[in-house]
């Protein structure tokens, strides 16, 4: 995966499969500290100690439809390749937390990519898992909380094409306003 948005999507989809009711995603761009970090918290069913120990093994997966799980191992590799760090914590019946950082200026740091598109995919989940996304740069902060959006929509489904189009444009415009040149 060459886009961080795809890593975020993959991890959040795992959280949805783990019956999370809330997924919190935080992206922080700190060029002055040469750090680009992502934190993802969920309140899903978590992993057992044995699963947690194997989570970054590419030949381990809890899914039955495939025999490999490359998402976390690739993310860990990408982070470490840029001088960053990877930390995964999980407690059964409590949830999982992932913290990953990258060297901000490192040539091998993946680009963010289409985070707005990834967020819309996540909002379409059948479990009605709520998504809270926060993105901070030196130019400002953008927050997106599906609970607030649903409250404003007053029962109108997010899957309505005109609403999806509006949300996509709104997310992209807000992220553009805080974007810094790399």
N, C-alpha and C. Protein backbone atom coordinates (compact mmCIF):
# COMPACT_ATOMS: atom_id res chain seq x y z
N UNK A 1 0.85 -1.18 0.00
CA UNK A 1 0.00 0.00 0.00
C UNK A 1 0.89 1.24 0.00
N UNK A 2 0.65 2.10 -0.96
CA UNK A 2 1.48 3.29 -1.07
C UNK A 2 0.78 4.56 -0.61
N UNK A 3 -0.39 4.40 0.01
CA UNK A 3 -1.12 5.54 0.56
C UNK A 3 -1.51 5.24 2.00
N UNK A 4 -1.29 6.21 2.87
CA UNK A 4 -1.66 6.03 4.26
C UNK A 4 -3.16 5.88 4.42
N UNK A 5 -3.94 6.53 3.55
CA UNK A 5 -5.40 6.41 3.62
C UNK A 5 -5.84 4.96 3.45
N UNK A 6 -5.12 4.19 2.64
CA UNK A 6 -5.47 2.78 2.44
C UNK A 6 -5.11 1.96 3.68
N UNK A 7 -4.01 2.29 4.33
CA UNK A 7 -3.67 1.63 5.60
C UNK A 7 -4.75 1.93 6.65
N UNK A 8 -5.13 3.20 6.73
CA UNK A 8 -6.16 3.60 7.69
C UNK A 8 -7.47 2.86 7.41
N UNK A 9 -7.84 2.79 6.14
CA UNK A 9 -9.06 2.08 5.75
C UNK A 9 -8.99 0.61 6.16
N UNK A 10 -7.87 -0.04 5.89
CA UNK A 10 -7.69 -1.46 6.22
C UNK A 10 -7.81 -1.70 7.73
N UNK A 11 -7.14 -0.87 8.50
CA UNK A 11 -7.16 -1.03 9.95
C UNK A 11 -8.56 -0.76 10.51
N UNK A 12 -9.20 0.30 10.02
CA UNK A 12 -10.55 0.63 10.51
C UNK A 12 -11.56 -0.45 10.10
N UNK A 13 -11.38 -1.06 8.94
CA UNK A 13 -12.27 -2.17 8.56
C UNK A 13 -12.08 -3.35 9.50
N UNK A 14 -10.85 -3.58 9.95
CA UNK A 14 -10.61 -4.61 10.97
C UNK A 14 -11.35 -4.26 12.26
N UNK A 15 -11.34 -2.98 12.62
CA UNK A 15 -12.05 -2.53 13.82
C UNK A 15 -13.55 -2.77 13.69
N UNK A 16 -14.09 -2.51 12.50
CA UNK A 16 -15.51 -2.74 12.27
C UNK A 16 -15.82 -4.23 12.41
N UNK A 17 -14.96 -5.09 11.84
CA UNK A 17 -15.16 -6.54 11.98
C UNK A 17 -15.05 -6.98 13.44
N UNK A 18 -14.33 -6.20 14.25
CA UNK A 18 -14.19 -6.50 15.68
C UNK A 18 -15.33 -5.87 16.49
N UNK A 19 -16.39 -5.47 15.79
CA UNK A 19 -17.59 -4.91 16.41
C UNK A 19 -17.36 -3.63 17.20
N UNK A 20 -16.44 -2.82 16.74
CA UNK A 20 -16.22 -1.52 17.38
C UNK A 20 -17.45 -0.64 17.16
N UNK A 21 -17.85 0.09 18.17
CA UNK A 21 -18.94 1.05 18.00
C UNK A 21 -18.39 2.43 17.67
N UNK A 22 -17.09 2.67 17.99
CA UNK A 22 -16.44 3.94 17.71
C UNK A 22 -14.99 3.69 17.30
N UNK A 23 -14.60 4.34 16.21
CA UNK A 23 -13.21 4.31 15.76
C UNK A 23 -12.74 5.76 15.74
N UNK A 24 -11.65 6.02 16.44
CA UNK A 24 -11.07 7.36 16.48
C UNK A 24 -9.75 7.33 15.71
N UNK A 25 -9.65 8.21 14.73
CA UNK A 25 -8.47 8.28 13.87
C UNK A 25 -7.88 9.67 14.01
N UNK A 26 -6.61 9.74 14.35
CA UNK A 26 -5.95 11.04 14.50
C UNK A 26 -4.68 11.05 13.64
N UNK A 27 -4.58 12.07 12.79
CA UNK A 27 -3.39 12.27 11.97
C UNK A 27 -2.76 13.59 12.41
N UNK A 28 -1.45 13.55 12.68
CA UNK A 28 -0.72 14.77 13.07
C UNK A 28 0.48 14.93 12.16
N UNK A 29 0.56 16.09 11.52
CA UNK A 29 1.71 16.42 10.69
C UNK A 29 2.54 17.45 11.44
N UNK A 30 3.77 17.08 11.77
CA UNK A 30 4.67 17.96 12.53
C UNK A 30 6.02 18.05 11.81
N UNK A 31 6.08 18.85 10.75
CA UNK A 31 7.34 18.93 10.01
C UNK A 31 8.49 19.48 10.84
N UNK A 32 8.21 20.35 11.80
CA UNK A 32 9.28 20.91 12.64
C UNK A 32 9.93 19.85 13.52
N UNK A 33 9.20 18.77 13.80
CA UNK A 33 9.74 17.65 14.58
C UNK A 33 10.10 16.46 13.68
N UNK A 34 9.95 16.66 12.35
CA UNK A 34 10.16 15.61 11.37
C UNK A 34 9.33 14.37 11.71
N UNK A 35 8.05 14.62 12.03
CA UNK A 35 7.19 13.51 12.42
C UNK A 35 5.81 13.62 11.78
N UNK A 36 5.34 12.49 11.29
CA UNK A 36 4.01 12.34 10.72
C UNK A 36 3.42 11.15 11.47
N UNK A 37 2.39 11.36 12.26
CA UNK A 37 1.90 10.27 13.09
C UNK A 37 0.41 10.01 12.87
N UNK A 38 0.06 8.76 13.08
CA UNK A 38 -1.32 8.31 12.99
C UNK A 38 -1.62 7.48 14.23
N UNK A 39 -2.74 7.78 14.86
CA UNK A 39 -3.22 6.98 16.00
C UNK A 39 -4.63 6.53 15.68
N UNK A 40 -4.90 5.26 15.88
CA UNK A 40 -6.24 4.71 15.66
C UNK A 40 -6.63 3.94 16.91
N UNK A 41 -7.75 4.35 17.51
CA UNK A 41 -8.30 3.68 18.69
C UNK A 41 -9.67 3.12 18.34
N UNK A 42 -9.96 1.94 18.85
CA UNK A 42 -11.32 1.41 18.70
C UNK A 42 -11.75 0.75 20.00
N UNK A 43 -13.05 0.56 20.13
CA UNK A 43 -13.59 -0.11 21.31
C UNK A 43 -14.17 -1.47 20.93
N UNK A 44 -13.53 -2.12 19.96
CA UNK A 44 -13.95 -3.45 19.52
C UNK A 44 -13.58 -4.52 20.52
N UNK A 45 -13.72 -5.78 20.10
CA UNK A 45 -13.48 -6.88 21.04
C UNK A 45 -12.01 -7.13 21.33
N UNK A 46 -11.11 -6.44 20.64
CA UNK A 46 -9.68 -6.56 20.95
C UNK A 46 -9.09 -7.88 20.51
N UNK A 47 -7.81 -8.04 20.82
CA UNK A 47 -7.08 -9.26 20.45
C UNK A 47 -6.58 -9.95 21.70
N UNK A 48 -6.47 -11.26 21.59
CA UNK A 48 -5.86 -12.02 22.67
C UNK A 48 -4.36 -11.74 22.65
N UNK A 49 -3.65 -12.03 23.74
CA UNK A 49 -2.20 -11.84 23.73
C UNK A 49 -1.51 -12.61 22.59
N UNK A 50 -1.99 -13.80 22.28
CA UNK A 50 -1.40 -14.60 21.19
C UNK A 50 -1.65 -13.93 19.84
N UNK A 51 -2.85 -13.41 19.62
CA UNK A 51 -3.15 -12.71 18.37
C UNK A 51 -2.30 -11.44 18.25
N UNK A 52 -2.19 -10.71 19.34
CA UNK A 52 -1.41 -9.47 19.34
C UNK A 52 0.05 -9.76 18.99
N UNK A 53 0.59 -10.84 19.54
CA UNK A 53 1.97 -11.20 19.27
C UNK A 53 2.19 -11.53 17.79
N UNK A 54 1.19 -12.07 17.14
CA UNK A 54 1.30 -12.48 15.73
C UNK A 54 0.81 -11.42 14.74
N UNK A 55 0.27 -10.31 15.23
CA UNK A 55 -0.41 -9.33 14.38
C UNK A 55 0.45 -8.77 13.25
N UNK A 56 1.75 -8.66 13.45
CA UNK A 56 2.61 -8.12 12.39
C UNK A 56 3.31 -9.21 11.59
N UNK A 57 2.92 -10.45 11.79
CA UNK A 57 3.42 -11.57 11.01
C UNK A 57 2.58 -11.65 9.72
N UNK A 58 3.19 -11.50 8.55
CA UNK A 58 2.39 -11.48 7.31
C UNK A 58 1.69 -12.80 7.02
N UNK A 59 2.11 -13.88 7.67
CA UNK A 59 1.48 -15.18 7.41
C UNK A 59 0.44 -15.53 8.47
N UNK A 60 0.02 -14.53 9.22
CA UNK A 60 -1.02 -14.72 10.24
C UNK A 60 -2.19 -13.80 9.92
N UNK A 61 -3.38 -14.33 9.97
CA UNK A 61 -4.59 -13.54 9.84
C UNK A 61 -5.72 -14.25 10.55
N UNK A 62 -6.66 -13.49 11.05
CA UNK A 62 -7.84 -14.10 11.67
C UNK A 62 -8.95 -14.26 10.64
N UNK A 63 -8.75 -13.72 9.45
CA UNK A 63 -9.76 -13.84 8.42
C UNK A 63 -9.72 -15.23 7.80
N UNK A 64 -10.89 -15.71 7.42
CA UNK A 64 -10.98 -17.06 6.85
C UNK A 64 -10.95 -17.03 5.32
N UNK A 65 -11.04 -15.85 4.72
CA UNK A 65 -11.09 -15.77 3.27
C UNK A 65 -9.71 -15.69 2.62
N UNK A 66 -8.68 -15.49 3.42
CA UNK A 66 -7.32 -15.45 2.88
C UNK A 66 -6.35 -15.97 3.93
N UNK A 67 -5.15 -16.32 3.46
CA UNK A 67 -4.18 -16.95 4.35
C UNK A 67 -3.08 -16.01 4.80
N UNK A 68 -3.07 -14.78 4.30
CA UNK A 68 -2.06 -13.82 4.71
C UNK A 68 -2.74 -12.53 5.15
N UNK A 69 -2.05 -11.79 6.01
CA UNK A 69 -2.53 -10.49 6.47
C UNK A 69 -1.39 -9.49 6.33
N UNK A 70 -1.38 -8.75 5.25
CA UNK A 70 -0.24 -7.88 4.95
C UNK A 70 -0.39 -6.45 5.46
N UNK A 71 -1.58 -6.03 5.86
CA UNK A 71 -1.81 -4.63 6.23
C UNK A 71 -0.88 -4.13 7.32
N UNK A 72 -0.91 -4.74 8.48
CA UNK A 72 -0.07 -4.29 9.60
C UNK A 72 1.42 -4.50 9.34
N UNK A 73 1.84 -5.65 8.79
CA UNK A 73 3.27 -5.80 8.51
C UNK A 73 3.80 -4.74 7.54
N UNK A 74 3.02 -4.41 6.50
CA UNK A 74 3.45 -3.37 5.56
C UNK A 74 3.51 -2.00 6.22
N UNK A 75 2.52 -1.70 7.04
CA UNK A 75 2.51 -0.41 7.73
C UNK A 75 3.72 -0.30 8.66
N UNK A 76 4.00 -1.35 9.40
CA UNK A 76 5.15 -1.36 10.30
C UNK A 76 6.44 -1.16 9.51
N UNK A 77 6.57 -1.88 8.42
CA UNK A 77 7.76 -1.76 7.58
C UNK A 77 7.91 -0.34 7.04
N UNK A 78 6.81 0.24 6.53
CA UNK A 78 6.85 1.60 6.00
C UNK A 78 7.28 2.60 7.08
N UNK A 79 6.76 2.44 8.27
CA UNK A 79 7.10 3.36 9.36
C UNK A 79 8.58 3.24 9.72
N UNK A 80 9.03 2.02 9.94
CA UNK A 80 10.42 1.81 10.35
C UNK A 80 11.40 2.21 9.26
N UNK A 81 11.00 2.05 8.01
CA UNK A 81 11.85 2.42 6.88
C UNK A 81 12.12 3.93 6.85
N UNK A 82 11.20 4.71 7.42
CA UNK A 82 11.36 6.17 7.41
C UNK A 82 11.90 6.69 8.74
N UNK A 83 12.35 5.79 9.60
CA UNK A 83 12.86 6.19 10.91
C UNK A 83 11.76 6.38 11.94
N UNK A 84 10.58 5.89 11.63
CA UNK A 84 9.45 6.03 12.54
C UNK A 84 9.29 4.83 13.46
N UNK A 85 8.14 4.78 14.11
CA UNK A 85 7.86 3.73 15.10
C UNK A 85 6.47 3.14 14.87
N UNK A 86 6.28 1.95 15.39
CA UNK A 86 5.02 1.23 15.28
C UNK A 86 4.72 0.62 16.64
N UNK A 87 3.53 0.91 17.16
CA UNK A 87 3.14 0.35 18.46
C UNK A 87 1.68 -0.09 18.37
N UNK A 88 1.44 -1.32 18.75
CA UNK A 88 0.09 -1.89 18.74
C UNK A 88 -0.22 -2.44 20.12
N UNK A 89 -1.33 -1.97 20.69
CA UNK A 89 -1.80 -2.46 21.99
C UNK A 89 -3.23 -2.94 21.82
N UNK A 90 -3.58 -3.98 22.55
CA UNK A 90 -4.94 -4.47 22.47
C UNK A 90 -5.29 -5.21 23.75
N UNK A 91 -6.50 -5.02 24.20
CA UNK A 91 -7.02 -5.73 25.36
C UNK A 91 -8.35 -6.35 24.97
N UNK A 92 -8.48 -7.63 25.24
CA UNK A 92 -9.73 -8.32 24.92
C UNK A 92 -10.90 -7.64 25.61
N UNK A 93 -11.99 -7.49 24.87
CA UNK A 93 -13.23 -6.88 25.33
C UNK A 93 -13.10 -5.41 25.70
N UNK A 94 -11.99 -4.78 25.34
CA UNK A 94 -11.80 -3.35 25.60
C UNK A 94 -11.52 -2.59 24.31
N UNK A 95 -10.62 -3.11 23.49
CA UNK A 95 -10.34 -2.46 22.22
C UNK A 95 -8.87 -2.51 21.85
N UNK A 96 -8.55 -1.82 20.78
CA UNK A 96 -7.21 -1.84 20.22
C UNK A 96 -6.74 -0.41 19.94
N UNK A 97 -5.44 -0.19 20.13
CA UNK A 97 -4.86 1.11 19.82
C UNK A 97 -3.61 0.89 18.98
N UNK A 98 -3.54 1.62 17.88
CA UNK A 98 -2.37 1.60 17.02
C UNK A 98 -1.77 2.99 16.98
N UNK A 99 -0.47 3.08 17.21
CA UNK A 99 0.26 4.33 17.07
C UNK A 99 1.39 4.06 16.10
N UNK A 100 1.46 4.87 15.05
CA UNK A 100 2.51 4.71 14.07
C UNK A 100 3.02 6.09 13.69
N UNK A 101 4.34 6.19 13.54
CA UNK A 101 4.91 7.47 13.14
C UNK A 101 5.90 7.24 12.01
N UNK A 102 6.06 8.28 11.22
CA UNK A 102 6.95 8.27 10.07
C UNK A 102 7.85 9.48 10.14
N UNK A 103 9.02 9.38 9.53
CA UNK A 103 9.84 10.57 9.34
C UNK A 103 9.11 11.46 8.34
N UNK A 104 8.73 12.65 8.76
CA UNK A 104 7.93 13.54 7.90
C UNK A 104 8.61 13.81 6.57
N UNK A 105 9.90 14.09 6.61
CA UNK A 105 10.62 14.51 5.42
C UNK A 105 11.23 13.35 4.65
N UNK A 106 11.07 12.14 5.14
CA UNK A 106 11.70 10.99 4.51
C UNK A 106 11.07 10.71 3.15
N UNK A 107 11.90 10.46 2.17
CA UNK A 107 11.44 10.26 0.79
C UNK A 107 10.53 9.04 0.66
N UNK A 108 10.67 8.07 1.55
CA UNK A 108 9.87 6.84 1.46
C UNK A 108 8.57 6.89 2.26
N UNK A 109 8.28 8.04 2.90
CA UNK A 109 7.01 8.13 3.63
C UNK A 109 5.86 8.11 2.62
N UNK A 110 4.92 7.18 2.79
CA UNK A 110 3.78 7.17 1.87
C UNK A 110 2.98 8.47 1.98
N UNK A 111 2.36 8.86 0.88
CA UNK A 111 1.48 10.03 0.91
C UNK A 111 0.19 9.67 1.62
N UNK A 112 -0.55 10.68 2.07
CA UNK A 112 -1.83 10.40 2.72
C UNK A 112 -2.81 9.78 1.74
N UNK A 113 -2.91 10.33 0.56
CA UNK A 113 -3.84 9.78 -0.42
C UNK A 113 -5.25 10.26 -0.18
N UNK A 114 -6.21 9.51 -0.65
CA UNK A 114 -7.62 9.91 -0.62
C UNK A 114 -8.29 9.55 0.71
N UNK A 115 -7.98 10.30 1.74
CA UNK A 115 -8.57 10.03 3.05
C UNK A 115 -10.06 10.31 3.05
N UNK A 116 -10.50 11.29 2.28
CA UNK A 116 -11.94 11.59 2.21
C UNK A 116 -12.70 10.38 1.66
N UNK A 117 -12.18 9.78 0.60
CA UNK A 117 -12.81 8.58 0.04
C UNK A 117 -12.81 7.43 1.01
N UNK A 118 -11.70 7.26 1.75
CA UNK A 118 -11.63 6.19 2.74
C UNK A 118 -12.64 6.40 3.86
N UNK A 119 -12.79 7.65 4.31
CA UNK A 119 -13.77 7.93 5.36
C UNK A 119 -15.19 7.62 4.90
N UNK A 120 -15.51 7.95 3.65
CA UNK A 120 -16.85 7.66 3.14
C UNK A 120 -17.09 6.16 3.05
N UNK A 121 -16.08 5.41 2.67
CA UNK A 121 -16.22 3.94 2.66
C UNK A 121 -16.51 3.45 4.07
N UNK A 122 -15.78 3.97 5.05
CA UNK A 122 -15.98 3.56 6.44
C UNK A 122 -17.37 3.92 6.95
N UNK A 123 -17.89 5.06 6.51
CA UNK A 123 -19.22 5.48 6.95
C UNK A 123 -20.32 4.58 6.41
N UNK A 124 -20.01 3.81 5.38
CA UNK A 124 -21.00 2.92 4.76
C UNK A 124 -21.10 1.58 5.46
N UNK A 125 -20.43 1.41 6.58
CA UNK A 125 -20.41 0.10 7.23
C UNK A 125 -21.79 -0.29 7.75
N UNK A 126 -22.05 -1.58 7.71
CA UNK A 126 -23.37 -2.10 8.12
C UNK A 126 -23.55 -2.13 9.63
N UNK A 127 -22.47 -2.03 10.38
CA UNK A 127 -22.55 -2.07 11.84
C UNK A 127 -22.90 -0.72 12.44
N UNK A 128 -22.98 0.32 11.60
CA UNK A 128 -23.20 1.69 12.07
C UNK A 128 -22.11 2.14 13.04
N UNK A 129 -20.90 1.67 12.82
CA UNK A 129 -19.77 2.11 13.62
C UNK A 129 -19.54 3.60 13.38
N UNK A 130 -19.37 4.34 14.45
CA UNK A 130 -19.14 5.78 14.35
C UNK A 130 -17.67 6.04 14.09
N UNK A 131 -17.40 7.09 13.34
CA UNK A 131 -16.03 7.46 12.96
C UNK A 131 -15.75 8.89 13.43
N UNK A 132 -14.67 9.04 14.16
CA UNK A 132 -14.21 10.38 14.54
C UNK A 132 -12.81 10.54 13.96
N UNK A 133 -12.66 11.51 13.05
CA UNK A 133 -11.39 11.75 12.37
C UNK A 133 -10.89 13.13 12.73
N UNK A 134 -9.62 13.21 13.09
CA UNK A 134 -8.99 14.47 13.44
C UNK A 134 -7.67 14.56 12.68
N UNK A 135 -7.44 15.72 12.06
CA UNK A 135 -6.21 15.92 11.28
C UNK A 135 -5.62 17.27 11.67
N UNK A 136 -4.40 17.25 12.15
CA UNK A 136 -3.75 18.47 12.63
C UNK A 136 -2.46 18.71 11.86
N UNK A 137 -2.29 19.97 11.41
CA UNK A 137 -1.06 20.42 10.76
C UNK A 137 -0.68 21.76 11.39
N UNK A 138 0.49 22.29 11.07
CA UNK A 138 0.83 23.62 11.59
C UNK A 138 -0.14 24.71 11.12
N UNK A 139 -0.89 24.47 10.06
CA UNK A 139 -1.84 25.46 9.54
C UNK A 139 -3.22 25.37 10.19
N UNK A 140 -3.48 24.33 10.97
CA UNK A 140 -4.79 24.22 11.61
C UNK A 140 -5.21 22.78 11.85
N UNK A 141 -6.47 22.63 12.21
CA UNK A 141 -7.01 21.31 12.53
C UNK A 141 -8.38 21.14 11.89
N UNK A 142 -8.64 19.92 11.44
CA UNK A 142 -9.94 19.55 10.89
C UNK A 142 -10.45 18.34 11.66
N UNK A 143 -11.72 18.40 12.05
CA UNK A 143 -12.34 17.26 12.73
C UNK A 143 -13.62 16.87 12.01
N UNK A 144 -13.83 15.58 11.95
CA UNK A 144 -15.03 15.02 11.33
C UNK A 144 -15.56 13.97 12.29
N UNK A 145 -16.80 14.11 12.71
CA UNK A 145 -17.40 13.16 13.65
C UNK A 145 -18.74 12.71 13.08
N UNK A 146 -18.84 11.43 12.75
CA UNK A 146 -20.07 10.92 12.13
C UNK A 146 -21.28 11.08 13.05
N UNK A 147 -21.07 11.10 14.36
CA UNK A 147 -22.20 11.28 15.29
C UNK A 147 -22.82 12.66 15.10
N UNK A 148 -21.97 13.68 14.94
CA UNK A 148 -22.47 15.04 14.72
C UNK A 148 -23.16 15.15 13.36
N UNK A 149 -22.57 14.52 12.35
CA UNK A 149 -23.15 14.56 11.00
C UNK A 149 -24.53 13.91 11.02
N UNK A 150 -24.64 12.74 11.64
CA UNK A 150 -25.92 12.03 11.69
C UNK A 150 -26.97 12.85 12.45
N UNK A 151 -26.53 13.53 13.50
CA UNK A 151 -27.45 14.37 14.27
C UNK A 151 -28.01 15.49 13.38
N UNK A 152 -27.12 16.12 12.59
CA UNK A 152 -27.54 17.20 11.69
C UNK A 152 -28.45 16.68 10.58
N UNK A 153 -28.21 15.46 10.13
CA UNK A 153 -29.02 14.88 9.05
C UNK A 153 -30.41 14.48 9.53
N UNK A 154 -30.59 14.36 10.83
CA UNK A 154 -31.89 14.08 11.43
C UNK A 154 -32.61 12.89 10.77
N UNK A 155 -31.89 11.77 10.69
CA UNK A 155 -32.51 10.55 10.19
C UNK A 155 -32.29 10.28 8.71
N UNK A 156 -31.84 11.27 7.96
CA UNK A 156 -31.57 11.04 6.55
C UNK A 156 -30.29 10.21 6.44
N UNK A 157 -30.31 9.13 5.66
CA UNK A 157 -29.13 8.25 5.62
C UNK A 157 -27.92 8.90 4.93
N UNK A 158 -26.75 8.61 5.49
CA UNK A 158 -25.50 9.09 4.91
C UNK A 158 -25.30 8.49 3.52
N UNK A 159 -25.92 7.36 3.26
CA UNK A 159 -25.75 6.70 1.96
C UNK A 159 -26.48 7.41 0.82
N UNK A 160 -27.27 8.44 1.14
CA UNK A 160 -27.95 9.21 0.10
C UNK A 160 -26.88 9.83 -0.81
N UNK A 161 -26.95 9.62 -2.12
CA UNK A 161 -25.89 10.10 -3.02
C UNK A 161 -25.56 11.59 -2.88
N UNK A 162 -26.55 12.43 -2.72
CA UNK A 162 -26.25 13.87 -2.60
C UNK A 162 -25.53 14.18 -1.29
N UNK A 163 -25.83 13.44 -0.24
CA UNK A 163 -25.15 13.65 1.04
C UNK A 163 -23.72 13.14 0.95
N UNK A 164 -23.52 11.98 0.34
CA UNK A 164 -22.17 11.44 0.16
C UNK A 164 -21.31 12.42 -0.64
N UNK A 165 -21.88 12.98 -1.70
CA UNK A 165 -21.14 13.93 -2.53
C UNK A 165 -20.79 15.18 -1.72
N UNK A 166 -21.74 15.69 -0.95
CA UNK A 166 -21.49 16.86 -0.11
C UNK A 166 -20.39 16.57 0.91
N UNK A 167 -20.47 15.42 1.58
CA UNK A 167 -19.47 15.08 2.60
C UNK A 167 -18.08 14.93 1.98
N UNK A 168 -18.01 14.29 0.84
CA UNK A 168 -16.73 14.13 0.16
C UNK A 168 -16.10 15.48 -0.15
N UNK A 169 -16.88 16.38 -0.72
CA UNK A 169 -16.39 17.71 -1.05
C UNK A 169 -16.02 18.50 0.21
N UNK A 170 -16.84 18.40 1.24
CA UNK A 170 -16.59 19.12 2.49
C UNK A 170 -15.29 18.65 3.15
N UNK A 171 -15.08 17.35 3.21
CA UNK A 171 -13.85 16.81 3.80
C UNK A 171 -12.64 17.27 3.00
N UNK A 172 -12.71 17.12 1.68
CA UNK A 172 -11.58 17.51 0.83
C UNK A 172 -11.27 19.01 0.96
N UNK A 173 -12.29 19.85 0.96
CA UNK A 173 -12.07 21.30 1.07
C UNK A 173 -11.43 21.67 2.41
N UNK A 174 -11.92 21.06 3.48
CA UNK A 174 -11.36 21.36 4.81
C UNK A 174 -9.92 20.89 4.94
N UNK A 175 -9.61 19.73 4.37
CA UNK A 175 -8.24 19.25 4.43
C UNK A 175 -7.32 20.11 3.57
N UNK A 176 -7.81 20.59 2.45
CA UNK A 176 -7.00 21.49 1.61
C UNK A 176 -6.62 22.76 2.37
N UNK A 177 -7.52 23.27 3.20
CA UNK A 177 -7.26 24.50 3.94
C UNK A 177 -6.13 24.36 4.95
N UNK A 178 -5.92 23.17 5.46
CA UNK A 178 -4.86 22.98 6.46
C UNK A 178 -3.62 22.31 5.87
N UNK A 179 -3.67 22.02 4.58
CA UNK A 179 -2.55 21.33 3.93
C UNK A 179 -1.31 22.19 3.90
N UNK A 180 -0.18 21.57 4.18
CA UNK A 180 1.09 22.27 4.11
C UNK A 180 1.88 21.71 2.94
N UNK A 181 2.77 22.50 2.38
CA UNK A 181 3.59 21.99 1.28
C UNK A 181 4.72 21.16 1.88
N UNK A 182 4.96 20.03 1.26
CA UNK A 182 5.95 19.08 1.80
C UNK A 182 7.31 19.37 1.26
